[in-house]
N, C-alpha and C. Protein backbone atom coordinates (compact mmCIF):
# COMPACT_ATOMS: atom_id res chain seq x y z
N MET A 1 1.08 -0.99 -0.04
CA MET A 1 -0.02 -0.05 -0.12
C MET A 1 1.12 1.17 -0.01
N TRP A 2 1.66 1.31 0.89
CA TRP A 2 2.51 2.45 0.82
C TRP A 2 3.61 2.87 -0.42
N LEU A 3 3.83 1.43 -0.91
CA LEU A 3 4.64 1.40 -1.93
C LEU A 3 3.79 2.09 -3.27
N GLY A 4 2.54 1.66 -3.20
CA GLY A 4 1.54 2.84 -4.13
C GLY A 4 1.37 4.10 -4.07
N LEU A 5 1.44 4.46 -3.01
CA LEU A 5 1.17 5.65 -2.41
C LEU A 5 2.35 6.28 -3.31
N GLY A 6 3.28 5.74 -2.70
CA GLY A 6 4.45 6.86 -2.69
C GLY A 6 4.91 6.56 -4.65
N ALA A 7 4.56 5.76 -5.05
CA ALA A 7 4.77 5.89 -6.71
C ALA A 7 3.41 6.57 -7.17
N LEU A 8 2.38 7.02 -6.65
CA LEU A 8 1.50 8.07 -7.21
C LEU A 8 2.32 9.31 -6.89
N ALA A 9 3.02 9.44 -5.48
CA ALA A 9 3.68 10.74 -5.31
C ALA A 9 4.86 11.30 -6.00
N LEU A 10 5.34 10.10 -6.70
CA LEU A 10 6.57 10.31 -7.33
C LEU A 10 6.26 10.66 -9.30
N TRP A 11 5.14 10.03 -9.11
CA TRP A 11 4.34 10.23 -10.72
C TRP A 11 3.62 11.87 -10.80
N ALA A 12 2.96 12.30 -9.47
CA ALA A 12 2.51 13.31 -9.88
C ALA A 12 3.79 15.09 -9.60
N LEU A 13 5.03 14.27 -8.65
CA LEU A 13 5.55 15.33 -8.80
C LEU A 13 6.74 15.25 -10.53
N VAL A 14 6.47 14.14 -10.89
CA VAL A 14 7.51 14.25 -12.08
C VAL A 14 6.14 14.87 -13.43
N ARG A 15 5.17 14.84 -13.04
CA ARG A 15 4.18 15.35 -14.00
C ARG A 15 3.79 16.81 -13.71
N LEU A 16 4.34 17.11 -12.61
CA LEU A 16 4.20 18.73 -12.41
C LEU A 16 5.07 19.46 -12.61
N GLY A 17 6.27 18.89 -12.67
CA GLY A 17 7.62 19.11 -13.25
C GLY A 17 7.94 19.24 -14.69
N ARG A 18 7.10 18.93 -15.25
CA ARG A 18 7.40 19.11 -16.70
C ARG A 18 6.43 19.75 -17.87
N GLN A 19 5.81 20.98 -16.81
CA GLN A 19 4.42 21.73 -17.23
C GLN A 19 5.36 22.82 -18.83
N THR A 20 4.96 22.85 -19.17
CA THR A 20 5.15 23.77 -20.43
C THR A 20 4.03 24.34 -20.92
N GLU A 21 2.72 24.39 -20.27
CA GLU A 21 1.71 25.19 -21.06
C GLU A 21 1.57 26.37 -20.14
N SER A 22 0.78 27.45 -20.97
CA SER A 22 0.71 28.51 -20.13
C SER A 22 -0.11 28.54 -19.19
N ALA A 23 -0.42 30.12 -18.82
CA ALA A 23 -0.75 30.08 -16.92
C ALA A 23 -1.89 29.20 -16.92
N ARG A 24 -2.80 29.55 -17.68
CA ARG A 24 -4.57 29.10 -17.73
C ARG A 24 -4.60 27.52 -17.95
N ARG A 25 -3.62 27.07 -18.64
CA ARG A 25 -3.81 25.46 -19.18
C ARG A 25 -3.01 24.59 -18.37
N GLY A 26 -1.83 25.66 -17.43
CA GLY A 26 -0.87 25.06 -16.75
C GLY A 26 -1.75 24.93 -15.58
N HIS A 27 -2.52 26.08 -14.85
CA HIS A 27 -3.33 25.68 -13.86
C HIS A 27 -4.26 24.60 -13.64
N TRP A 28 -4.82 24.45 -14.99
CA TRP A 28 -5.78 23.42 -14.99
C TRP A 28 -5.06 21.92 -14.83
N ARG A 29 -3.81 21.52 -15.23
CA ARG A 29 -3.12 20.82 -15.46
C ARG A 29 -2.80 19.94 -14.14
N VAL A 30 -1.93 20.67 -13.32
CA VAL A 30 -1.76 21.36 -11.98
C VAL A 30 -2.97 20.78 -10.98
N ALA A 31 -3.85 21.31 -11.12
CA ALA A 31 -5.58 20.79 -10.34
C ALA A 31 -5.39 19.76 -10.45
N ALA A 32 -5.53 19.25 -11.86
CA ALA A 32 -6.21 17.83 -12.49
C ALA A 32 -5.11 16.73 -12.07
N THR A 33 -3.72 17.06 -11.73
CA THR A 33 -2.95 16.05 -11.38
C THR A 33 -2.95 15.82 -9.91
N LEU A 34 -3.12 16.97 -9.20
CA LEU A 34 -3.53 17.07 -7.72
C LEU A 34 -4.39 16.56 -7.34
N LEU A 35 -5.34 16.30 -8.23
CA LEU A 35 -6.74 15.93 -7.65
C LEU A 35 -6.93 14.35 -8.05
N ALA A 36 -6.08 14.03 -9.54
CA ALA A 36 -6.14 12.66 -9.78
C ALA A 36 -5.10 11.67 -8.63
N THR A 37 -4.15 12.74 -8.43
CA THR A 37 -3.33 11.50 -7.49
C THR A 37 -4.17 11.93 -6.13
N ALA A 38 -5.17 12.60 -5.87
CA ALA A 38 -5.62 12.42 -4.45
C ALA A 38 -6.77 11.15 -4.59
N ALA A 39 -7.75 11.58 -5.98
CA ALA A 39 -8.51 10.17 -6.28
C ALA A 39 -8.13 8.84 -6.18
N LEU A 40 -6.91 8.75 -7.10
CA LEU A 40 -5.96 7.71 -7.38
C LEU A 40 -5.21 6.64 -6.05
N GLY A 41 -5.11 8.13 -5.25
CA GLY A 41 -4.65 6.78 -3.81
C GLY A 41 -5.66 6.76 -2.82
N GLY A 42 -7.20 7.70 -2.62
CA GLY A 42 -7.69 7.45 -2.14
C GLY A 42 -8.67 6.20 -2.55
N GLY A 43 -8.71 5.63 -3.67
CA GLY A 43 -8.96 4.37 -4.71
C GLY A 43 -8.30 3.52 -3.83
N LEU A 44 -7.01 3.48 -4.02
CA LEU A 44 -6.10 2.75 -3.45
C LEU A 44 -6.48 1.99 -1.98
N LEU A 45 -6.27 3.38 -1.22
CA LEU A 45 -6.74 2.85 0.00
C LEU A 45 -8.01 2.38 0.39
N ALA A 46 -9.00 2.56 -0.50
CA ALA A 46 -10.28 2.15 -0.38
C ALA A 46 -10.79 0.71 -0.52
N ALA A 47 -9.77 0.39 -1.60
CA ALA A 47 -9.77 -1.03 -2.28
C ALA A 47 -8.96 -1.90 -1.50
N MET A 48 -7.60 -0.90 -0.46
CA MET A 48 -7.28 -2.24 0.11
C MET A 48 -7.59 -2.65 1.62
N ARG A 49 -8.79 -1.46 2.29
CA ARG A 49 -9.90 -1.88 3.24
C ARG A 49 -10.84 -2.76 2.97
N GLY A 50 -11.11 -3.11 2.01
CA GLY A 50 -12.32 -3.75 1.34
C GLY A 50 -13.67 -3.08 0.72
N ALA A 51 -13.15 -1.83 0.34
CA ALA A 51 -14.20 -1.06 -0.18
C ALA A 51 -13.74 -1.00 -1.39
N TRP A 52 -14.55 -2.29 -2.15
CA TRP A 52 -13.86 -2.16 -3.81
C TRP A 52 -15.09 -1.31 -4.43
N ILE A 53 -15.86 -0.67 -4.45
CA ILE A 53 -16.80 0.14 -5.11
C ILE A 53 -16.70 1.45 -5.35
N ILE A 54 -16.41 1.87 -4.13
CA ILE A 54 -15.59 3.40 -3.70
C ILE A 54 -14.41 3.54 -4.35
N GLY A 55 -13.68 1.94 -4.06
CA GLY A 55 -12.25 2.42 -4.44
C GLY A 55 -12.20 2.75 -6.16
N ALA A 56 -13.00 1.35 -6.92
CA ALA A 56 -13.22 1.47 -8.70
C ALA A 56 -13.56 2.79 -8.95
N ALA A 57 -14.48 3.71 -8.14
CA ALA A 57 -15.26 5.32 -8.67
C ALA A 57 -14.27 6.09 -8.42
N LEU A 58 -13.38 6.11 -7.33
CA LEU A 58 -12.16 6.77 -7.12
C LEU A 58 -10.85 6.41 -8.33
N ALA A 59 -10.98 5.53 -8.40
CA ALA A 59 -9.48 5.23 -9.32
C ALA A 59 -10.09 5.55 -10.49
N ALA A 60 -10.90 5.23 -11.07
CA ALA A 60 -12.00 5.74 -12.54
C ALA A 60 -11.82 7.32 -12.82
N ALA A 61 -12.23 8.19 -11.26
CA ALA A 61 -12.30 9.42 -11.72
C ALA A 61 -11.14 9.91 -11.93
N GLY A 62 -9.93 9.10 -11.26
CA GLY A 62 -8.13 9.47 -11.03
C GLY A 62 -8.37 9.77 -12.50
N LEU A 63 -8.23 8.45 -13.01
CA LEU A 63 -7.88 8.36 -14.42
C LEU A 63 -8.53 8.90 -15.30
N TRP A 64 -9.87 9.22 -15.18
CA TRP A 64 -10.33 10.48 -16.00
C TRP A 64 -9.72 11.84 -16.24
N LEU A 65 -9.57 12.18 -14.88
CA LEU A 65 -8.91 13.31 -14.67
C LEU A 65 -7.48 13.58 -15.61
N VAL A 66 -6.64 12.22 -15.17
CA VAL A 66 -5.43 12.60 -16.16
C VAL A 66 -5.63 12.56 -17.23
N LEU A 67 -6.35 11.56 -17.99
CA LEU A 67 -6.75 12.11 -19.52
C LEU A 67 -7.09 13.12 -19.94
N ALA A 68 -7.96 13.32 -19.29
CA ALA A 68 -8.93 14.74 -19.71
C ALA A 68 -7.85 15.70 -19.78
N SER A 69 -7.05 16.23 -18.63
CA SER A 69 -5.67 17.19 -18.44
C SER A 69 -4.61 17.02 -19.82
N ARG A 70 -4.71 15.93 -20.62
CA ARG A 70 -3.66 15.75 -21.41
C ARG A 70 -4.01 16.07 -22.75
N GLN A 71 -5.20 16.26 -22.74
CA GLN A 71 -5.86 16.96 -24.50
C GLN A 71 -5.66 18.54 -24.78
N ARG A 72 -4.69 18.27 -25.84
CA ARG A 72 -4.06 19.72 -26.35
C ARG A 72 -5.33 20.00 -27.09
N THR A 73 -5.10 21.66 -26.94
CA THR A 73 -5.79 22.40 -28.00
C THR A 73 -5.34 22.32 -29.66
N VAL A 74 -6.49 22.17 -30.14
CA VAL A 74 -5.29 22.49 -31.61
C VAL A 74 -5.76 23.71 -32.24
N SER A 75 -4.69 24.64 -32.73
CA SER A 75 -4.52 26.18 -33.13
C SER A 75 -5.14 25.85 -34.62
N PRO A 76 -5.33 27.33 -34.81
CA PRO A 76 -6.09 27.34 -36.02
C PRO A 76 -5.53 27.54 -37.26
N ARG A 77 -6.23 26.91 -38.18
CA ARG A 77 -5.38 26.21 -39.77
C ARG A 77 -5.09 27.68 -40.25
N ARG A 78 -4.11 27.30 -41.36
CA ARG A 78 -3.73 28.81 -42.02
C ARG A 78 -4.38 28.90 -43.15
N GLU A 79 -5.04 27.69 -43.66
CA GLU A 79 -5.68 27.55 -44.85
C GLU A 79 -7.62 28.49 -44.71
N ASP A 80 -7.50 28.73 -43.26
CA ASP A 80 -9.04 28.87 -42.91
C ASP A 80 -8.52 30.72 -43.18
N LEU A 81 -8.00 31.13 -43.02
CA LEU A 81 -7.42 32.84 -43.39
C LEU A 81 -7.95 32.95 -45.00
N SER A 82 -8.17 33.99 -44.95
CA SER A 82 -7.91 34.34 -46.68
C SER A 82 -6.90 35.79 -46.69
N ALA A 83 -6.55 35.96 -47.77
CA ALA A 83 -4.62 37.24 -47.80
C ALA A 83 -5.96 38.36 -47.02
N ALA A 84 -7.01 38.82 -47.37
CA ALA A 84 -7.47 39.82 -46.73
C ALA A 84 -7.57 40.11 -45.69
N GLU A 85 -8.43 38.95 -44.78
CA GLU A 85 -8.24 38.70 -43.59
C GLU A 85 -6.89 38.82 -42.85
N ALA A 86 -6.08 37.89 -43.15
CA ALA A 86 -4.68 38.03 -42.50
C ALA A 86 -4.00 39.30 -42.48
N ARG A 87 -4.64 39.85 -43.60
CA ARG A 87 -4.21 41.41 -43.92
C ARG A 87 -4.77 42.29 -43.17
N SER A 88 -5.97 41.91 -42.45
CA SER A 88 -6.46 43.09 -41.97
C SER A 88 -6.17 42.96 -39.89
N ILE A 89 -5.62 41.36 -39.76
CA ILE A 89 -5.54 41.02 -38.55
C ILE A 89 -4.28 41.69 -38.08
N LEU A 90 -3.58 41.65 -39.33
CA LEU A 90 -1.54 42.32 -39.17
C LEU A 90 -1.96 43.88 -39.20
N GLY A 91 -3.09 44.06 -39.57
CA GLY A 91 -2.98 45.58 -40.07
C GLY A 91 -1.79 46.35 -41.14
N VAL A 92 -1.97 45.17 -42.19
CA VAL A 92 -0.62 45.94 -43.41
C VAL A 92 -1.48 45.88 -44.28
N ALA A 93 -0.76 46.86 -45.53
CA ALA A 93 -1.24 47.45 -47.01
C ALA A 93 -1.48 46.10 -47.68
N PRO A 94 -2.05 45.74 -48.80
CA PRO A 94 -2.46 44.90 -49.78
C PRO A 94 -1.00 44.42 -50.54
N ASP A 95 -0.16 46.04 -50.33
CA ASP A 95 1.46 45.95 -51.17
C ASP A 95 2.72 45.85 -50.32
N ALA A 96 2.32 45.35 -48.90
CA ALA A 96 3.19 44.83 -47.86
C ALA A 96 4.09 43.95 -48.46
N ASP A 97 5.65 44.51 -48.33
CA ASP A 97 6.48 43.45 -48.41
C ASP A 97 7.04 42.61 -47.28
N ALA A 98 7.74 41.52 -47.55
CA ALA A 98 7.94 40.67 -46.18
C ALA A 98 8.50 41.37 -44.95
N ALA A 99 9.17 42.39 -45.25
CA ALA A 99 9.47 42.95 -43.84
C ALA A 99 8.61 43.68 -42.93
N ALA A 100 7.62 44.41 -43.99
CA ALA A 100 6.68 44.73 -43.15
C ALA A 100 5.71 44.18 -42.60
N ILE A 101 5.24 42.74 -42.79
CA ILE A 101 4.53 41.98 -42.52
C ILE A 101 5.50 41.62 -41.06
N ASN A 102 6.60 41.15 -41.51
CA ASN A 102 7.28 40.74 -39.80
C ASN A 102 7.31 41.69 -38.97
N ALA A 103 7.47 42.76 -39.43
CA ALA A 103 7.64 44.20 -38.58
C ALA A 103 6.10 44.12 -38.03
N ALA A 104 5.07 44.36 -38.45
CA ALA A 104 3.93 44.01 -37.95
C ALA A 104 3.78 43.36 -37.00
N TRP A 105 3.97 42.10 -37.27
CA TRP A 105 3.56 40.58 -36.91
C TRP A 105 4.54 40.76 -35.25
N ARG A 106 5.89 41.07 -35.14
CA ARG A 106 6.69 41.50 -34.43
C ARG A 106 6.23 42.55 -33.04
N ARG A 107 5.54 43.58 -33.60
CA ARG A 107 4.73 44.68 -32.73
C ARG A 107 3.18 44.34 -32.25
N LEU A 108 2.36 43.45 -32.95
CA LEU A 108 1.39 42.84 -32.41
C LEU A 108 1.93 41.93 -31.43
N MET A 109 2.85 40.55 -31.90
CA MET A 109 3.12 39.75 -30.88
C MET A 109 3.66 39.98 -29.44
N ALA A 110 4.16 41.33 -29.71
CA ALA A 110 4.72 41.41 -28.18
C ALA A 110 3.70 42.34 -27.26
N ARG A 111 2.31 42.02 -27.65
CA ARG A 111 1.67 42.28 -27.02
C ARG A 111 0.54 41.15 -26.90
N ALA A 112 0.41 40.29 -27.53
CA ALA A 112 -0.19 39.28 -27.65
C ALA A 112 0.32 37.82 -27.28
N HIS A 113 1.39 38.04 -27.31
CA HIS A 113 1.84 36.40 -26.77
C HIS A 113 1.74 36.51 -25.36
N PRO A 114 1.01 35.03 -25.22
CA PRO A 114 0.83 34.12 -23.53
C PRO A 114 1.79 34.71 -22.67
N ASP A 115 2.95 35.14 -23.17
CA ASP A 115 3.72 35.22 -21.87
C ASP A 115 3.72 36.67 -21.20
N GLN A 116 3.16 37.39 -22.21
CA GLN A 116 3.44 38.78 -22.46
C GLN A 116 1.81 39.49 -21.63
N GLY A 117 0.86 37.98 -21.00
CA GLY A 117 -0.28 38.67 -21.16
C GLY A 117 -1.35 38.67 -22.06
N GLY A 118 -1.27 37.97 -23.17
CA GLY A 118 -2.25 37.56 -24.65
C GLY A 118 -2.77 36.38 -24.05
N THR A 119 -3.48 35.87 -25.06
CA THR A 119 -4.20 34.37 -25.07
C THR A 119 -3.10 33.60 -26.39
N GLU A 120 -3.04 32.28 -26.06
CA GLU A 120 -3.04 31.29 -26.97
C GLU A 120 -3.40 31.75 -28.16
N GLY A 121 -4.85 31.65 -28.66
CA GLY A 121 -5.88 32.36 -29.34
C GLY A 121 -5.34 33.12 -30.50
N LEU A 122 -5.42 34.28 -29.85
CA LEU A 122 -4.77 35.64 -30.45
C LEU A 122 -2.76 35.13 -30.82
N ALA A 123 -2.34 34.57 -30.48
CA ALA A 123 -0.81 34.70 -31.24
C ALA A 123 -0.84 33.36 -31.98
N ALA A 124 -1.82 32.59 -32.05
CA ALA A 124 -1.87 31.60 -32.87
C ALA A 124 -2.41 32.09 -33.99
N ARG A 125 -3.70 32.96 -33.91
CA ARG A 125 -3.95 33.79 -34.90
C ARG A 125 -3.34 34.75 -35.78
N LEU A 126 -2.48 35.22 -34.56
CA LEU A 126 -1.59 36.37 -35.62
C LEU A 126 -0.31 35.69 -36.86
N ASN A 127 -0.09 34.27 -35.48
CA ASN A 127 1.09 33.15 -36.63
C ASN A 127 0.35 32.63 -38.12
N ALA A 128 -1.03 32.54 -37.50
CA ALA A 128 -1.65 32.44 -39.21
C ALA A 128 -1.97 33.48 -40.40
N ALA A 129 -1.66 34.53 -39.67
CA ALA A 129 -2.33 35.96 -40.75
C ALA A 129 -0.69 35.80 -41.16
N ARG A 130 0.44 35.68 -40.32
CA ARG A 130 1.57 35.96 -41.13
C ARG A 130 2.42 35.13 -41.63
N ASP A 131 1.62 33.85 -41.71
CA ASP A 131 2.03 32.63 -42.53
C ASP A 131 1.36 32.43 -43.49
N ARG A 132 0.15 32.99 -43.17
CA ARG A 132 -0.65 32.88 -44.98
C ARG A 132 -0.17 34.49 -45.86
N LEU A 133 0.51 35.37 -45.01
CA LEU A 133 1.14 36.22 -46.29
C LEU A 133 2.26 35.88 -46.51
N LEU A 134 3.25 34.99 -45.90
CA LEU A 134 4.44 35.02 -46.08
C LEU A 134 4.92 33.82 -46.88
N ARG A 135 3.19 33.18 -47.19
CA ARG A 135 3.26 31.60 -47.93
C ARG A 135 3.79 32.17 -49.65
N PRO A 136 4.64 31.15 -50.62
CA PRO A 136 4.92 31.66 -51.54
C PRO A 136 3.62 31.17 -52.53
């Protein structure tokens, strides 16, 4: 029993040490990892004491939390943007060259990047717009 609880604690520490998402997504993964560890540990303790139904329910809830927190979000596809939409997102003229497009992208990304307080969706949209305009 103690070996199982120790393995759960080690798993939680390793998983929490590998957080690479943004703040919002990272907070969800931290909370899900802690709750999953508690649920799996409670399920193990309940099963060791003979409460199989409660133990199975807690273990299933813990496994669901683990799997739900592992799902990644999909960034918008480049093909969804027209050239006119991409120009309006970046705020560049129709005859803008690559240097002007990159300068506009850098200026906007400085404010929209998730590390600077922006959102992942807006940063992905800026990247998609830049890629759409720079595509040969």
